[in-house]
Amino acid sequence: MRESGSKEGVKRLMGTHLKALTSGKTYDLDEFNLIGRGDDVTIKIEDSGVSRQHATIRREGGHFWLVDLGSANGTYVNDSALTTARVLRDGDRVQFGTNLLIFCQDDGAPHDATEIGMTTQVLRRAPVKLVTRAVTLLVADLRGFTALSAQLSASEVADLLREWYADCNSIMRKGGATIDKFIGDCVFAYWHGTEPDIRAKAVEAARTLRNSDATSTSPTRLMLKTQKNISLDCRVGLHVGDAAMGAMGKGINTAVGDAVNIVFRIESLTRQLDTGVLASAAFVLDWPPGRDLFEPHGSHEVKGHPDKIEVFSLQ
C-alpha cells in the first residue's frame, strides 16, 4: 500500500489513484493492483467486510478495469454491485466493505471541476462514437473452473485468477491484441483487421494460451500441480467479422455485434467437441495457410444463432 501525503501527495495526485472519501488518503495505481486486507496485496484496506484478496484493478491501455475476485461482501461502483469486469471513469465511487473511495484519473485533458466536500465532480467529455471495423476475435476460457474452484480456498482462487490474468495480459500484448474484458476465468480480446499476419498472431496466441499452464512457474500453478494434481485446461475460440467498437454507456467500452456473439459460441463448442482450439469457417477458408493448420470439425447449432456454424479445429 502506498499512501500519498504533503508534498509527495501533490505530485501523486496528478496521476491515477484511489482517494478515500472519509480519510482523504490516496493510493496510487500501478499496472496491476490487488486490493484487500491480506498481507500480500497492493492496496491494503483494514476492514472486516473486505476479503483478504477482494478485487483487482488492471490497466489496459488508457483504461483501468475493476474486477471483483469473488469477495464475500461484493464490490460496488456508484452504488451498483459489480457483476463483471468494468472500466472505471474519473469520479467513479468504488466501495469495498464500508470503505468508499473515489477513482481519480488524469488523462491529460482539461477538466472543468468543482470541489464538493472530498470528491470532485467532473464534466465528462462526450462518449466516443461507435465505429464498425473488421476485427479478428479471440475468446479463451478455463474448462471446469467452477469445479476446480470448489477444491480451493478463496485466497487460492484469487491467486489463480491473478496469475491467469497476468498470463493473458502478457500473451495478448506480445501478440499485439487488445483485451476487451475479463469475465471471471474468461478473456475476450481482438485485433484490428483480418489480414493473414493478424490471423497468424491470433493462432500463435491461442497456442500459447493452451500451453501456458505447462510452462508456468507461478507459485499457485506449481502448488496445484504438485499438491493437488490439477492442471488448467484453456479452451479457445477464433473468428473474424465486423464489430462495433466504442463506448456503450458509462463504464462500458467494448466491442459488440453478431461476430462477438459467434466467437463466444465457438469457444463454448470446444467442450461439446472436446477440442482445444476451434475457429470459424470465416477465419480459416479465405486464409490459405490456415487450411494447413486446421481440420474440418463439421457444422453445429449454437444457442442464439439461427444458422449452423461451421468450425475447424487447430491441429
Protein backbone atom coordinates (compact mmCIF):
# COMPACT_ATOMS: atom_id res chain seq x y z
CA MET A 1 0.00 0.00 0.00
CA ARG A 2 1.31 3.42 -0.91
CA GLU A 3 -0.33 6.43 0.71
CA SER A 4 0.21 9.97 -0.51
CA GLY A 5 0.58 12.98 1.67
CA SER A 6 2.02 16.50 1.89
CA LYS A 7 4.35 17.49 -0.99
CA GLU A 8 4.70 13.95 -2.28
CA GLY A 9 0.93 13.63 -2.34
CA VAL A 10 0.58 16.75 -4.50
CA LYS A 11 2.75 15.11 -7.14
CA ARG A 12 0.94 11.78 -7.00
CA LEU A 13 -2.49 13.37 -7.18
CA MET A 14 -1.61 14.31 -10.78
CA GLY A 15 -1.68 10.59 -11.68
CA THR A 16 -4.28 7.86 -11.40
CA HIS A 17 -5.24 6.90 -7.86
CA LEU A 18 -8.00 5.99 -5.43
CA LYS A 19 -8.90 8.55 -2.77
CA ALA A 20 -10.62 7.51 0.46
CA LEU A 21 -13.71 9.65 0.95
CA THR A 22 -13.54 9.89 4.74
CA SER A 23 -9.80 10.00 5.48
CA GLY A 24 -8.56 11.63 2.29
CA LYS A 25 -5.78 9.04 1.88
CA THR A 26 -4.75 8.32 -1.70
CA TYR A 27 -3.50 5.07 -3.18
CA ASP A 28 -1.52 5.28 -6.42
CA LEU A 29 -2.44 2.71 -9.06
CA ASP A 30 0.11 0.61 -10.94
CA GLU A 31 -0.37 -1.61 -13.99
CA PHE A 32 -1.84 -4.33 -11.77
CA ASN A 33 -3.28 -3.74 -8.30
CA LEU A 34 -4.56 -6.32 -5.83
CA ILE A 35 -6.95 -4.88 -3.24
CA GLY A 36 -7.87 -6.49 0.09
CA ARG A 37 -6.91 -6.85 3.73
CA GLY A 38 -4.28 -9.59 3.29
CA ASP A 39 -0.56 -9.05 3.73
CA ASP A 40 0.38 -9.63 0.08
CA VAL A 41 -1.94 -7.05 -1.50
CA THR A 42 -1.03 -3.85 -3.33
CA ILE A 43 -3.68 -1.74 -1.62
CA LYS A 44 -4.41 -2.89 1.94
CA ILE A 45 -7.77 -1.96 3.47
CA GLU A 46 -8.24 -2.80 7.13
CA ASP A 47 -11.93 -3.65 7.22
CA SER A 48 -13.61 -6.89 8.32
CA GLY A 49 -16.03 -6.50 5.40
CA VAL A 50 -13.15 -6.64 2.93
CA SER A 51 -11.84 -10.06 1.81
CA ARG A 52 -8.15 -10.86 2.05
CA GLN A 53 -7.96 -10.67 -1.74
CA HIS A 54 -11.05 -8.69 -2.62
CA ALA A 55 -10.63 -7.20 -6.10
CA THR A 56 -8.14 -6.17 -8.75
CA ILE A 57 -7.66 -3.03 -10.81
CA ARG A 58 -5.72 -3.67 -14.01
CA ARG A 59 -4.53 -1.14 -16.55
CA GLU A 60 -5.14 -1.90 -20.21
CA GLY A 61 -4.04 0.92 -22.49
CA GLY A 62 -5.64 4.09 -21.17
CA HIS A 63 -8.31 2.25 -19.19
CA PHE A 64 -8.36 0.78 -15.68
CA TRP A 65 -10.51 -2.35 -15.29
CA LEU A 66 -12.02 -3.29 -11.92
CA VAL A 67 -12.72 -6.99 -11.22
CA ASP A 68 -14.22 -8.49 -8.07
CA LEU A 69 -12.43 -11.71 -7.01
CA GLY A 70 -15.47 -13.45 -5.57
CA SER A 71 -15.35 -11.37 -2.39
CA ALA A 72 -17.73 -12.23 0.46
CA ASN A 73 -19.43 -8.83 0.51
CA GLY A 74 -19.01 -7.73 -3.08
CA THR A 75 -17.63 -4.63 -4.77
CA TYR A 76 -19.76 -1.63 -5.70
CA VAL A 77 -19.31 1.12 -8.29
CA ASN A 78 -21.60 4.15 -7.95
CA ASP A 79 -23.82 2.10 -5.59
CA SER A 80 -24.26 -0.74 -8.11
CA ALA A 81 -22.92 -4.23 -7.38
CA LEU A 82 -20.09 -5.26 -9.68
CA THR A 83 -21.05 -8.42 -11.59
CA THR A 84 -18.40 -8.40 -14.33
CA ALA A 85 -15.22 -6.54 -15.28
CA ARG A 86 -15.83 -2.80 -15.55
CA VAL A 87 -13.89 0.19 -16.85
CA LEU A 88 -13.51 2.88 -14.19
CA ARG A 89 -14.20 6.51 -15.10
CA ASP A 90 -12.83 9.62 -13.46
CA GLY A 91 -15.03 10.41 -10.45
CA ASP A 92 -16.49 6.90 -10.03
CA ARG A 93 -17.25 5.91 -6.41
CA VAL A 94 -15.82 2.49 -5.58
CA GLN A 95 -16.83 0.67 -2.37
CA PHE A 96 -15.01 -2.21 -0.65
CA GLY A 97 -16.72 -3.21 2.60
CA THR A 98 -17.56 0.06 4.36
CA ASN A 99 -14.77 1.96 2.58
CA LEU A 100 -15.80 4.40 -0.12
CA LEU A 101 -13.10 5.62 -2.49
CA ILE A 102 -13.08 7.93 -5.48
CA PHE A 103 -11.33 6.87 -8.69
CA CYS A 104 -9.28 9.81 -9.99
CA GLN A 105 -7.63 9.66 -13.40
CA ASP A 106 -5.57 12.36 -15.07
CA ASP A 107 -5.78 11.59 -18.79
CA GLY A 108 -4.04 14.78 -19.82
CA ALA A 109 -7.24 16.52 -20.91
CA PRO A 110 -8.55 19.69 -19.24
CA HIS A 111 -11.45 19.23 -16.85
CA ASP A 112 -13.89 21.78 -15.50
CA ALA A 113 -14.10 20.62 -11.91
CA THR A 114 -15.57 21.96 -8.69
CA GLU A 115 -14.66 20.63 -5.26
CA ILE A 116 -17.71 19.47 -3.30
CA GLY A 117 -16.69 18.09 0.09
CA MET A 118 -14.00 15.48 -0.51
CA THR A 119 -14.95 14.42 -4.01
CA THR A 120 -14.55 16.11 -7.40
CA GLN A 121 -17.42 16.45 -9.82
CA VAL A 122 -16.09 16.39 -13.40
CA LEU A 123 -17.78 17.47 -16.60
CA ARG A 124 -17.02 14.45 -18.78
CA ARG A 125 -16.35 14.54 -22.48
CA ALA A 126 -18.98 13.24 -24.90
CA PRO A 127 -18.73 9.48 -25.42
CA VAL A 128 -16.74 8.22 -28.37
CA LYS A 129 -18.96 7.37 -31.34
CA LEU A 130 -19.34 3.72 -32.27
CA VAL A 131 -17.21 2.68 -35.23
CA THR A 132 -17.71 -0.58 -37.12
CA ARG A 133 -14.46 -2.33 -38.02
CA ALA A 134 -13.29 -5.66 -39.38
CA VAL A 135 -11.63 -7.46 -36.49
CA THR A 136 -10.05 -10.77 -35.53
CA LEU A 137 -11.62 -12.09 -32.34
CA LEU A 138 -10.39 -14.46 -29.63
CA VAL A 139 -12.18 -15.87 -26.59
CA ALA A 140 -10.32 -18.08 -24.10
CA ASP A 141 -11.85 -19.81 -21.10
CA LEU A 142 -10.68 -22.27 -18.45
CA ARG A 143 -12.53 -25.57 -18.70
CA GLY A 144 -14.09 -26.83 -15.46
CA PHE A 145 -13.14 -23.75 -13.47
CA THR A 146 -16.22 -23.93 -11.23
CA ALA A 147 -15.42 -27.49 -10.16
CA LEU A 148 -11.76 -26.58 -9.77
CA SER A 149 -12.65 -23.61 -7.55
CA ALA A 150 -14.57 -25.91 -5.21
CA GLN A 151 -11.28 -27.64 -4.39
CA LEU A 152 -9.50 -24.39 -3.48
CA SER A 153 -9.74 -21.79 -0.77
CA ALA A 154 -10.98 -18.30 -1.64
CA SER A 155 -7.44 -16.92 -1.50
CA GLU A 156 -6.15 -19.70 -3.77
CA VAL A 157 -8.88 -18.92 -6.31
CA ALA A 158 -7.92 -15.25 -6.17
CA ASP A 159 -4.22 -16.08 -6.63
CA LEU A 160 -5.02 -18.34 -9.56
CA LEU A 161 -7.14 -15.71 -11.30
CA ARG A 162 -4.49 -13.06 -10.70
CA GLU A 163 -1.84 -15.27 -12.33
CA TRP A 164 -4.20 -16.19 -15.17
CA TYR A 165 -4.95 -12.52 -15.87
CA ALA A 166 -1.22 -11.75 -15.85
CA ASP A 167 -0.56 -14.58 -18.33
CA CYS A 168 -3.33 -13.35 -20.63
CA ASN A 169 -2.04 -9.78 -20.43
CA SER A 170 1.46 -10.85 -21.39
CA ILE A 171 0.39 -13.15 -24.21
CA MET A 172 -2.12 -10.73 -25.73
CA ARG A 173 0.25 -7.75 -25.59
CA LYS A 174 3.06 -9.76 -27.16
CA GLY A 175 0.70 -10.65 -30.00
CA GLY A 176 -0.48 -7.05 -30.45
CA ALA A 177 -4.06 -7.73 -29.33
CA THR A 178 -6.37 -5.56 -27.26
CA ILE A 179 -8.02 -7.17 -24.25
CA ASP A 180 -11.65 -6.09 -24.27
CA LYS A 181 -12.52 -7.60 -20.90
CA PHE A 182 -12.07 -10.39 -18.40
CA ILE A 183 -15.22 -12.23 -17.33
CA GLY A 184 -14.31 -14.44 -14.41
CA ASP A 185 -11.95 -17.06 -15.88
CA CYS A 186 -12.65 -15.94 -19.48
CA VAL A 187 -10.75 -13.38 -21.58
CA PHE A 188 -12.11 -11.65 -24.69
CA ALA A 189 -9.58 -9.96 -27.00
CA TYR A 190 -9.38 -8.66 -30.55
CA TRP A 191 -7.07 -7.36 -33.26
CA HIS A 192 -7.99 -4.56 -35.64
CA GLY A 193 -8.08 -6.08 -39.12
CA THR A 194 -8.29 -9.60 -40.52
CA GLU A 195 -5.11 -9.75 -42.62
CA PRO A 196 -3.10 -13.00 -42.82
CA ASP A 197 -0.41 -11.81 -40.40
CA ILE A 198 -3.08 -10.89 -37.84
CA ARG A 199 -4.73 -14.30 -38.09
CA ALA A 200 -1.30 -15.89 -37.66
CA LYS A 201 -0.82 -13.83 -34.47
CA ALA A 202 -4.21 -14.97 -33.20
CA VAL A 203 -3.32 -18.63 -33.80
CA GLU A 204 0.02 -18.17 -32.02
CA ALA A 205 -1.75 -16.52 -29.08
CA ALA A 206 -4.21 -19.44 -28.95
CA ARG A 207 -1.35 -21.97 -28.91
CA THR A 208 0.48 -20.04 -26.21
CA LEU A 209 -2.62 -19.80 -24.03
CA ARG A 210 -3.15 -23.54 -24.42
CA ASN A 211 0.44 -24.24 -23.37
CA SER A 212 0.73 -21.58 -20.66
CA ASP A 213 -0.06 -23.96 -17.83
CA ALA A 214 2.66 -26.43 -18.84
CA THR A 215 5.31 -23.69 -18.99
CA SER A 216 4.16 -21.63 -16.00
CA THR A 217 6.40 -21.28 -12.95
CA SER A 218 3.88 -19.27 -10.93
CA PRO A 219 3.55 -20.32 -7.25
CA THR A 220 -0.17 -21.12 -7.35
CA ARG A 221 0.09 -23.10 -10.59
CA LEU A 222 3.01 -25.16 -9.23
CA MET A 223 1.11 -25.79 -5.99
CA LEU A 224 -1.91 -27.04 -7.92
CA LYS A 225 0.21 -29.48 -9.91
CA THR A 226 2.38 -30.82 -7.09
CA GLN A 227 -0.12 -30.89 -4.22
CA LYS A 228 -3.49 -31.35 -5.92
CA ASN A 229 -2.56 -32.83 -9.32
CA ILE A 230 -4.59 -30.10 -11.04
CA SER A 231 -3.72 -28.56 -14.41
CA LEU A 232 -5.53 -25.75 -16.18
CA ASP A 233 -7.21 -26.55 -19.48
CA CYS A 234 -7.62 -23.40 -21.59
CA ARG A 235 -10.08 -23.60 -24.49
CA VAL A 236 -10.03 -21.02 -27.31
CA GLY A 237 -12.44 -19.78 -29.98
CA LEU A 238 -11.35 -17.74 -33.05
CA HIS A 239 -13.44 -15.78 -35.55
CA VAL A 240 -13.27 -12.81 -37.93
CA GLY A 241 -16.00 -10.32 -38.73
CA ASP A 242 -17.34 -6.82 -38.21
CA ALA A 243 -17.80 -5.40 -34.71
CA ALA A 244 -18.98 -2.04 -33.41
CA MET A 245 -16.28 -0.51 -31.21
CA GLY A 246 -16.69 2.28 -28.67
CA ALA A 247 -18.47 3.46 -25.54
CA MET A 248 -21.78 1.70 -24.88
CA GLY A 249 -22.58 3.71 -21.77
CA LYS A 250 -20.99 4.80 -18.52
CA GLY A 251 -18.22 2.41 -17.57
CA ILE A 252 -18.80 0.18 -20.61
CA ASN A 253 -16.36 0.40 -23.50
CA THR A 254 -16.43 -2.73 -25.61
CA ALA A 255 -16.87 -4.46 -28.95
CA VAL A 256 -20.34 -5.71 -29.84
CA GLY A 257 -22.13 -7.36 -32.73
CA ASP A 258 -23.02 -10.74 -34.19
CA ALA A 259 -19.35 -11.60 -34.73
CA VAL A 260 -18.71 -11.17 -31.00
CA ASN A 261 -21.64 -13.44 -30.14
CA ILE A 262 -20.37 -16.06 -32.58
CA VAL A 263 -16.83 -16.21 -31.18
CA PHE A 264 -18.19 -16.81 -27.68
CA ARG A 265 -20.40 -19.61 -29.05
CA ILE A 266 -17.45 -21.14 -30.90
CA GLU A 267 -15.42 -21.24 -27.70
CA SER A 268 -18.31 -22.99 -25.93
CA LEU A 269 -18.31 -25.66 -28.66
CA THR A 270 -14.80 -26.73 -27.61
CA ARG A 271 -16.35 -28.56 -24.66
CA GLN A 272 -19.01 -30.28 -26.74
CA LEU A 273 -16.45 -31.35 -29.36
CA ASP A 274 -13.66 -31.93 -26.83
CA THR A 275 -11.01 -29.95 -28.69
CA GLY A 276 -8.67 -27.21 -27.56
CA VAL A 277 -8.98 -24.53 -30.26
CA LEU A 278 -11.85 -24.00 -32.69
CA ALA A 279 -12.04 -21.44 -35.49
CA SER A 280 -14.91 -20.43 -37.73
CA ALA A 281 -15.05 -21.10 -41.46
CA ALA A 282 -14.72 -17.34 -41.93
CA PHE A 283 -11.41 -17.42 -40.07
CA VAL A 284 -9.99 -20.42 -41.99
CA LEU A 285 -11.36 -20.73 -45.52
CA ASP A 286 -10.23 -17.44 -47.07
CA TRP A 287 -6.78 -17.73 -45.44
CA PRO A 288 -4.79 -20.32 -47.45
CA PRO A 289 -2.16 -21.04 -44.75
CA GLY A 290 -4.99 -21.66 -42.30
CA ARG A 291 -6.23 -24.64 -44.31
CA ASP A 292 -2.98 -26.44 -43.44
CA LEU A 293 -3.28 -25.54 -39.74
CA PHE A 294 -6.91 -26.55 -39.19
CA GLU A 295 -9.03 -29.58 -39.97
CA PRO A 296 -12.82 -29.63 -40.50
CA HIS A 297 -14.97 -30.31 -37.48
CA GLY A 298 -18.42 -30.04 -39.00
CA SER A 299 -21.33 -27.59 -38.73
CA HIS A 300 -23.09 -27.19 -35.41
CA GLU A 301 -26.07 -25.44 -33.92
CA VAL A 302 -25.28 -22.84 -31.30
CA LYS A 303 -27.55 -21.09 -28.86
CA GLY A 304 -28.97 -17.78 -30.01
CA HIS A 305 -27.92 -18.13 -33.66
CA PRO A 306 -30.33 -19.13 -36.47
CA ASP A 307 -27.79 -20.93 -38.66
CA LYS A 308 -25.36 -23.74 -38.01
CA ILE A 309 -21.75 -22.63 -37.65
CA GLU A 310 -19.01 -24.49 -39.50
CA VAL A 311 -15.90 -24.86 -37.36
CA PHE A 312 -12.34 -26.13 -37.73
CA SER A 313 -10.03 -27.49 -35.03
CA LEU A 314 -6.40 -26.45 -34.73
CA GLN A 315 -4.06 -29.36 -35.35
